[in-house]
Every structure is written in C-alpha cells, then in structure tokens.
Amino acid sequence: MPTLHHATLDRIDPATLYRIMVLRTDVFVFEQGIVSEPELDGRDLEPTLHLGRVATAAPAPARGRGLAGQLLEAVFEAFPAPIEISAQAYLENWYGRYGFRRTGENYLEAGIDHLPMRRSAPVRG
C-alpha cells in the first residue's frame, strides 16, 4: 500500500508541489481536455481537508496497477470520516467498490458528466 502524505499547501516543499501540479495538469487538462475551467481553481487554498482529485500518471507503470484504489484505502484508514465527492459519472461503479453511493442527480462540471457521491464513516467495533 502506498504511503499517504498529507499537508497543507504551505507545508509542501516546492519540488513536490510542482510535480503534483504537473500531474494534475497532464491528467485533467491535457488528457481530459478540460479547458473551460482552470485546474488551479483556488480550492487548494481552502482551510478544510478534502479529497481533492485522484489521478495516476499515464502511461504505465502507474496506471492499471490499483494505485488509485490503494490511495483511497489509505485515506479511509487515516481519516475515517464521511467523504463527499464529485465523481465523473463513468466512475460511479468504481467508486462504489470503495463504499461510495450516489446522493443526487447527474450534472455537468467542466463539460463532463458528474454525480455527487458520499461514503459514510465506517462503523468501528
């Protein structure tokens, strides 16, 4: 399982932050063609903890190895609280494997079909 690192924006070293921004731009701007909304949208500056975006670099060796799912599992372990996401609609079943359930109707975000989903906090015995 990958090691989960979390930090506020001001605690991320510049080289790591740069690599994160390059990955997000590569995946969400170039691969998915999202040009109607900026990738750097100010949400990273919000003082809340949020599961921002899940992305793995293309091509292999990163993709197709279950790393995104392992990342989610690490987040669930570290932060066992309810999580709400805006998921791309075609990933509904994939997120469903990790306990997320649809909470509303589909909508367009950046020209891509999305839906709201929520994962309840696990019941600990």
N, C-alpha and C. Protein backbone atom coordinates (compact mmCIF):
# COMPACT_ATOMS: atom_id res chain seq x y z
N MET A 1 0.85 -1.18 0.00
CA MET A 1 0.00 0.00 0.00
C MET A 1 0.89 1.24 0.00
N PRO A 2 0.52 2.25 -0.78
CA PRO A 2 1.35 3.45 -0.81
C PRO A 2 1.31 4.17 0.53
N THR A 3 2.35 4.93 0.80
CA THR A 3 2.40 5.75 1.99
C THR A 3 1.63 7.03 1.72
N LEU A 4 0.73 7.38 2.62
CA LEU A 4 -0.07 8.58 2.47
C LEU A 4 0.62 9.74 3.17
N HIS A 5 0.85 10.80 2.44
CA HIS A 5 1.39 12.03 3.00
C HIS A 5 0.31 13.09 2.85
N HIS A 6 0.10 13.85 3.88
CA HIS A 6 -0.87 14.93 3.79
C HIS A 6 -0.30 16.17 4.46
N ALA A 7 -0.58 17.30 3.86
CA ALA A 7 -0.06 18.56 4.39
C ALA A 7 -0.87 19.70 3.81
N THR A 8 -0.89 20.79 4.55
CA THR A 8 -1.49 22.00 3.99
C THR A 8 -0.54 22.53 2.92
N LEU A 9 -1.07 23.35 2.06
CA LEU A 9 -0.31 23.84 0.92
C LEU A 9 1.00 24.48 1.33
N ASP A 10 1.00 25.21 2.43
CA ASP A 10 2.21 25.91 2.86
C ASP A 10 3.27 24.98 3.46
N ARG A 11 2.93 23.70 3.63
CA ARG A 11 3.88 22.73 4.20
C ARG A 11 4.44 21.76 3.16
N ILE A 12 4.06 21.93 1.89
CA ILE A 12 4.56 21.05 0.83
C ILE A 12 5.80 21.70 0.23
N ASP A 13 6.88 20.93 0.10
CA ASP A 13 8.08 21.52 -0.48
C ASP A 13 7.83 21.85 -1.95
N PRO A 14 8.47 22.90 -2.45
CA PRO A 14 8.19 23.38 -3.80
C PRO A 14 8.35 22.34 -4.90
N ALA A 15 9.35 21.47 -4.83
CA ALA A 15 9.56 20.47 -5.88
C ALA A 15 8.40 19.47 -5.90
N THR A 16 7.93 19.04 -4.73
CA THR A 16 6.80 18.11 -4.66
C THR A 16 5.54 18.79 -5.17
N LEU A 17 5.30 20.00 -4.76
CA LEU A 17 4.13 20.75 -5.22
C LEU A 17 4.15 20.90 -6.74
N TYR A 18 5.31 21.19 -7.29
CA TYR A 18 5.43 21.32 -8.74
C TYR A 18 5.06 20.01 -9.43
N ARG A 19 5.55 18.87 -8.94
CA ARG A 19 5.23 17.57 -9.55
C ARG A 19 3.74 17.27 -9.45
N ILE A 20 3.12 17.64 -8.35
CA ILE A 20 1.67 17.45 -8.19
C ILE A 20 0.91 18.28 -9.22
N MET A 21 1.30 19.53 -9.39
CA MET A 21 0.62 20.41 -10.34
C MET A 21 0.82 19.93 -11.78
N VAL A 22 2.01 19.42 -12.11
CA VAL A 22 2.25 18.89 -13.45
C VAL A 22 1.35 17.68 -13.69
N LEU A 23 1.26 16.76 -12.72
CA LEU A 23 0.40 15.58 -12.87
C LEU A 23 -1.05 15.99 -13.07
N ARG A 24 -1.54 16.89 -12.24
CA ARG A 24 -2.93 17.32 -12.36
C ARG A 24 -3.20 18.00 -13.71
N THR A 25 -2.28 18.82 -14.16
CA THR A 25 -2.44 19.47 -15.46
C THR A 25 -2.42 18.45 -16.59
N ASP A 26 -1.48 17.50 -16.52
CA ASP A 26 -1.41 16.47 -17.55
C ASP A 26 -2.71 15.67 -17.64
N VAL A 27 -3.25 15.26 -16.48
CA VAL A 27 -4.43 14.41 -16.47
C VAL A 27 -5.71 15.20 -16.74
N PHE A 28 -5.91 16.27 -16.00
CA PHE A 28 -7.21 16.94 -16.05
C PHE A 28 -7.32 18.01 -17.13
N VAL A 29 -6.21 18.51 -17.65
CA VAL A 29 -6.28 19.49 -18.72
C VAL A 29 -5.98 18.83 -20.06
N PHE A 30 -4.80 18.23 -20.19
CA PHE A 30 -4.39 17.69 -21.49
C PHE A 30 -5.13 16.40 -21.84
N GLU A 31 -5.16 15.42 -20.95
CA GLU A 31 -5.82 14.15 -21.28
C GLU A 31 -7.32 14.29 -21.39
N GLN A 32 -7.95 14.99 -20.45
CA GLN A 32 -9.39 15.09 -20.44
C GLN A 32 -9.90 16.32 -21.17
N GLY A 33 -9.01 17.16 -21.61
CA GLY A 33 -9.40 18.31 -22.43
C GLY A 33 -10.23 19.34 -21.70
N ILE A 34 -10.04 19.47 -20.40
CA ILE A 34 -10.83 20.46 -19.65
C ILE A 34 -10.15 21.82 -19.79
N VAL A 35 -10.73 22.64 -20.63
CA VAL A 35 -10.18 23.97 -20.83
C VAL A 35 -11.18 25.06 -20.45
N SER A 36 -12.40 24.65 -20.08
CA SER A 36 -13.43 25.63 -19.74
C SER A 36 -13.30 26.13 -18.31
N GLU A 37 -12.55 25.42 -17.47
CA GLU A 37 -12.35 25.82 -16.08
C GLU A 37 -10.89 25.61 -15.73
N PRO A 38 -10.30 26.52 -14.95
CA PRO A 38 -8.89 26.37 -14.61
C PRO A 38 -8.66 25.20 -13.63
N GLU A 39 -7.59 24.47 -13.83
CA GLU A 39 -7.23 23.41 -12.89
C GLU A 39 -6.82 24.00 -11.55
N LEU A 40 -6.08 25.09 -11.59
CA LEU A 40 -5.70 25.78 -10.35
C LEU A 40 -6.83 26.75 -10.03
N ASP A 41 -7.81 26.24 -9.27
CA ASP A 41 -9.08 26.94 -9.08
C ASP A 41 -9.27 27.55 -7.70
N GLY A 42 -8.23 27.54 -6.88
CA GLY A 42 -8.34 28.13 -5.55
C GLY A 42 -8.76 27.15 -4.47
N ARG A 43 -9.26 25.98 -4.85
CA ARG A 43 -9.73 25.02 -3.84
C ARG A 43 -8.59 24.50 -2.97
N ASP A 44 -7.39 24.48 -3.51
CA ASP A 44 -6.24 24.02 -2.73
C ASP A 44 -5.92 24.96 -1.58
N LEU A 45 -6.41 26.17 -1.65
CA LEU A 45 -6.17 27.16 -0.59
C LEU A 45 -7.20 27.10 0.53
N GLU A 46 -8.27 26.32 0.33
CA GLU A 46 -9.31 26.22 1.35
C GLU A 46 -8.75 25.57 2.61
N PRO A 47 -9.17 26.04 3.78
CA PRO A 47 -8.62 25.52 5.04
C PRO A 47 -9.19 24.17 5.47
N THR A 48 -10.01 23.55 4.66
CA THR A 48 -10.60 22.27 5.03
C THR A 48 -9.81 21.13 4.42
N LEU A 49 -9.94 19.97 5.04
CA LEU A 49 -9.34 18.76 4.50
C LEU A 49 -10.31 18.18 3.49
N HIS A 50 -9.87 17.95 2.28
CA HIS A 50 -10.78 17.38 1.29
C HIS A 50 -10.02 16.42 0.38
N LEU A 51 -10.74 15.44 -0.09
CA LEU A 51 -10.18 14.51 -1.08
C LEU A 51 -10.32 15.20 -2.43
N GLY A 52 -9.28 15.90 -2.80
CA GLY A 52 -9.34 16.77 -3.97
C GLY A 52 -9.51 16.03 -5.27
N ARG A 53 -8.47 15.45 -5.77
CA ARG A 53 -8.51 14.77 -7.05
C ARG A 53 -7.67 13.51 -6.96
N VAL A 54 -8.14 12.47 -7.59
CA VAL A 54 -7.41 11.21 -7.63
C VAL A 54 -6.90 11.05 -9.06
N ALA A 55 -5.60 10.94 -9.21
CA ALA A 55 -5.02 10.81 -10.54
C ALA A 55 -3.77 9.95 -10.48
N THR A 56 -3.56 9.18 -11.52
CA THR A 56 -2.30 8.46 -11.69
C THR A 56 -1.73 8.82 -13.04
N ALA A 57 -0.42 8.83 -13.11
CA ALA A 57 0.26 9.25 -14.33
C ALA A 57 0.12 8.22 -15.43
N ALA A 58 0.02 8.72 -16.66
CA ALA A 58 0.00 7.85 -17.84
C ALA A 58 1.37 7.91 -18.48
N PRO A 59 1.78 6.96 -19.21
CA PRO A 59 1.20 5.61 -19.29
C PRO A 59 1.70 4.77 -18.12
N ALA A 60 1.61 3.45 -18.29
CA ALA A 60 2.15 2.55 -17.28
C ALA A 60 3.59 2.98 -17.02
N PRO A 61 4.14 2.79 -15.86
CA PRO A 61 3.78 1.77 -14.90
C PRO A 61 2.75 2.20 -13.86
N ALA A 62 2.33 3.47 -13.83
CA ALA A 62 1.43 3.92 -12.77
C ALA A 62 0.01 3.42 -12.93
N ARG A 63 -0.51 3.44 -14.14
CA ARG A 63 -1.92 3.09 -14.33
C ARG A 63 -2.14 1.59 -14.45
N GLY A 64 -3.34 1.18 -14.03
CA GLY A 64 -3.73 -0.22 -14.18
C GLY A 64 -3.15 -1.15 -13.13
N ARG A 65 -2.55 -0.59 -12.09
CA ARG A 65 -1.96 -1.41 -11.04
C ARG A 65 -2.72 -1.30 -9.72
N GLY A 66 -3.83 -0.58 -9.71
CA GLY A 66 -4.62 -0.45 -8.49
C GLY A 66 -4.12 0.61 -7.53
N LEU A 67 -3.24 1.49 -7.99
CA LEU A 67 -2.69 2.51 -7.10
C LEU A 67 -3.74 3.52 -6.63
N ALA A 68 -4.66 3.90 -7.49
CA ALA A 68 -5.70 4.86 -7.08
C ALA A 68 -6.57 4.25 -5.98
N GLY A 69 -6.92 2.98 -6.11
CA GLY A 69 -7.70 2.31 -5.07
C GLY A 69 -6.92 2.20 -3.78
N GLN A 70 -5.62 1.92 -3.88
CA GLN A 70 -4.79 1.85 -2.68
C GLN A 70 -4.71 3.22 -2.01
N LEU A 71 -4.66 4.27 -2.81
CA LEU A 71 -4.65 5.62 -2.26
C LEU A 71 -5.94 5.88 -1.48
N LEU A 72 -7.08 5.51 -2.07
CA LEU A 72 -8.35 5.70 -1.36
C LEU A 72 -8.37 4.93 -0.06
N GLU A 73 -7.91 3.68 -0.07
CA GLU A 73 -7.88 2.87 1.15
C GLU A 73 -7.02 3.53 2.22
N ALA A 74 -5.88 4.10 1.82
CA ALA A 74 -5.00 4.78 2.78
C ALA A 74 -5.70 6.01 3.37
N VAL A 75 -6.44 6.73 2.52
CA VAL A 75 -7.20 7.90 3.02
C VAL A 75 -8.26 7.45 4.02
N PHE A 76 -8.98 6.37 3.70
CA PHE A 76 -10.02 5.88 4.60
C PHE A 76 -9.44 5.48 5.95
N GLU A 77 -8.27 4.87 5.93
CA GLU A 77 -7.62 4.43 7.17
C GLU A 77 -7.18 5.63 8.01
N ALA A 78 -6.62 6.63 7.36
CA ALA A 78 -6.11 7.81 8.06
C ALA A 78 -7.22 8.75 8.53
N PHE A 79 -8.31 8.81 7.76
CA PHE A 79 -9.39 9.75 8.05
C PHE A 79 -10.73 9.02 7.98
N PRO A 80 -11.07 8.28 9.02
CA PRO A 80 -12.33 7.50 9.00
C PRO A 80 -13.55 8.39 9.26
N ALA A 81 -13.84 9.23 8.32
CA ALA A 81 -14.97 10.15 8.43
C ALA A 81 -15.76 10.08 7.13
N PRO A 82 -16.99 10.58 7.13
CA PRO A 82 -17.73 10.62 5.87
C PRO A 82 -16.98 11.45 4.83
N ILE A 83 -17.05 11.03 3.59
CA ILE A 83 -16.38 11.73 2.50
C ILE A 83 -17.38 11.97 1.39
N GLU A 84 -17.47 13.21 0.92
CA GLU A 84 -18.34 13.56 -0.19
C GLU A 84 -17.46 13.94 -1.37
N ILE A 85 -17.83 13.44 -2.55
CA ILE A 85 -17.05 13.73 -3.75
C ILE A 85 -17.96 14.11 -4.91
N SER A 86 -17.34 14.73 -5.89
CA SER A 86 -17.96 14.99 -7.17
C SER A 86 -17.24 14.05 -8.14
N ALA A 87 -17.89 12.97 -8.51
CA ALA A 87 -17.25 11.93 -9.33
C ALA A 87 -17.66 12.05 -10.79
N GLN A 88 -16.72 11.75 -11.67
CA GLN A 88 -17.10 11.64 -13.07
C GLN A 88 -18.05 10.46 -13.17
N ALA A 89 -19.14 10.64 -13.89
CA ALA A 89 -20.22 9.66 -13.91
C ALA A 89 -19.76 8.27 -14.35
N TYR A 90 -18.84 8.19 -15.27
CA TYR A 90 -18.41 6.87 -15.74
C TYR A 90 -17.65 6.08 -14.66
N LEU A 91 -17.27 6.76 -13.57
CA LEU A 91 -16.56 6.09 -12.47
C LEU A 91 -17.48 5.70 -11.30
N GLU A 92 -18.79 5.81 -11.49
CA GLU A 92 -19.72 5.52 -10.39
C GLU A 92 -19.51 4.11 -9.83
N ASN A 93 -19.42 3.12 -10.68
CA ASN A 93 -19.24 1.75 -10.18
C ASN A 93 -17.88 1.55 -9.53
N TRP A 94 -16.84 2.19 -10.08
CA TRP A 94 -15.50 2.09 -9.49
C TRP A 94 -15.51 2.65 -8.08
N TYR A 95 -16.05 3.86 -7.89
CA TYR A 95 -16.14 4.43 -6.55
C TYR A 95 -17.06 3.60 -5.66
N GLY A 96 -18.08 2.99 -6.24
CA GLY A 96 -18.98 2.13 -5.49
C GLY A 96 -18.26 0.97 -4.82
N ARG A 97 -17.21 0.46 -5.45
CA ARG A 97 -16.42 -0.62 -4.85
C ARG A 97 -15.76 -0.20 -3.55
N TYR A 98 -15.63 1.11 -3.35
CA TYR A 98 -15.00 1.64 -2.14
C TYR A 98 -16.01 2.25 -1.17
N GLY A 99 -17.27 1.90 -1.35
CA GLY A 99 -18.30 2.32 -0.41
C GLY A 99 -18.99 3.63 -0.71
N PHE A 100 -18.69 4.26 -1.83
CA PHE A 100 -19.36 5.50 -2.19
C PHE A 100 -20.72 5.18 -2.81
N ARG A 101 -21.71 6.00 -2.47
CA ARG A 101 -23.06 5.85 -3.02
C ARG A 101 -23.52 7.19 -3.58
N ARG A 102 -24.24 7.10 -4.68
CA ARG A 102 -24.81 8.29 -5.32
C ARG A 102 -25.73 9.00 -4.33
N THR A 103 -25.66 10.35 -4.32
CA THR A 103 -26.53 11.13 -3.44
C THR A 103 -27.39 12.14 -4.19
N GLY A 104 -27.34 12.11 -5.51
CA GLY A 104 -28.14 13.07 -6.27
C GLY A 104 -28.07 12.80 -7.75
N GLU A 105 -28.61 13.73 -8.51
CA GLU A 105 -28.68 13.61 -9.96
C GLU A 105 -27.37 14.01 -10.62
N ASN A 106 -27.19 13.53 -11.84
CA ASN A 106 -26.02 13.92 -12.63
C ASN A 106 -26.06 15.41 -12.95
N TYR A 107 -24.89 15.98 -13.19
CA TYR A 107 -24.76 17.37 -13.57
C TYR A 107 -23.46 17.52 -14.36
N LEU A 108 -23.35 18.62 -15.07
CA LEU A 108 -22.13 18.89 -15.83
C LEU A 108 -21.18 19.74 -15.00
N GLU A 109 -19.93 19.33 -14.98
CA GLU A 109 -18.86 20.10 -14.36
C GLU A 109 -17.71 20.12 -15.36
N ALA A 110 -17.30 21.30 -15.76
CA ALA A 110 -16.25 21.45 -16.77
C ALA A 110 -16.61 20.71 -18.05
N GLY A 111 -17.91 20.63 -18.36
CA GLY A 111 -18.36 19.97 -19.57
C GLY A 111 -18.35 18.45 -19.51
N ILE A 112 -18.13 17.88 -18.33
CA ILE A 112 -18.06 16.42 -18.16
C ILE A 112 -19.17 16.00 -17.20
N ASP A 113 -19.84 14.89 -17.53
CA ASP A 113 -20.93 14.35 -16.71
C ASP A 113 -20.39 13.91 -15.35
N HIS A 114 -20.95 14.46 -14.28
CA HIS A 114 -20.55 14.14 -12.91
C HIS A 114 -21.78 13.77 -12.08
N LEU A 115 -21.53 13.22 -10.90
CA LEU A 115 -22.59 12.96 -9.94
C LEU A 115 -22.03 13.10 -8.53
N PRO A 116 -22.89 13.50 -7.59
CA PRO A 116 -22.43 13.59 -6.21
C PRO A 116 -22.45 12.20 -5.57
N MET A 117 -21.42 11.92 -4.77
CA MET A 117 -21.33 10.63 -4.08
C MET A 117 -20.86 10.86 -2.65
N ARG A 118 -21.20 9.91 -1.79
CA ARG A 118 -20.82 10.00 -0.38
C ARG A 118 -20.43 8.63 0.12
N ARG A 119 -19.41 8.61 0.95
CA ARG A 119 -19.01 7.39 1.65
C ARG A 119 -19.17 7.67 3.13
N SER A 120 -20.00 6.89 3.79
CA SER A 120 -20.22 7.07 5.22
C SER A 120 -19.01 6.61 6.00
N ALA A 121 -18.86 7.15 7.18
CA ALA A 121 -17.77 6.70 8.06
C ALA A 121 -18.02 5.26 8.44
N PRO A 122 -16.97 4.46 8.47
CA PRO A 122 -17.15 3.05 8.85
C PRO A 122 -17.53 2.92 10.32
N VAL A 123 -18.29 1.90 10.61
CA VAL A 123 -18.67 1.62 11.99
C VAL A 123 -17.54 0.81 12.61
N ARG A 124 -16.96 1.34 13.65
CA ARG A 124 -15.84 0.66 14.32
C ARG A 124 -16.38 -0.09 15.54
N GLY A 125 -15.94 -1.31 15.70
CA GLY A 125 -16.45 -2.15 16.79
C GLY A 125 -15.64 -2.17 18.00
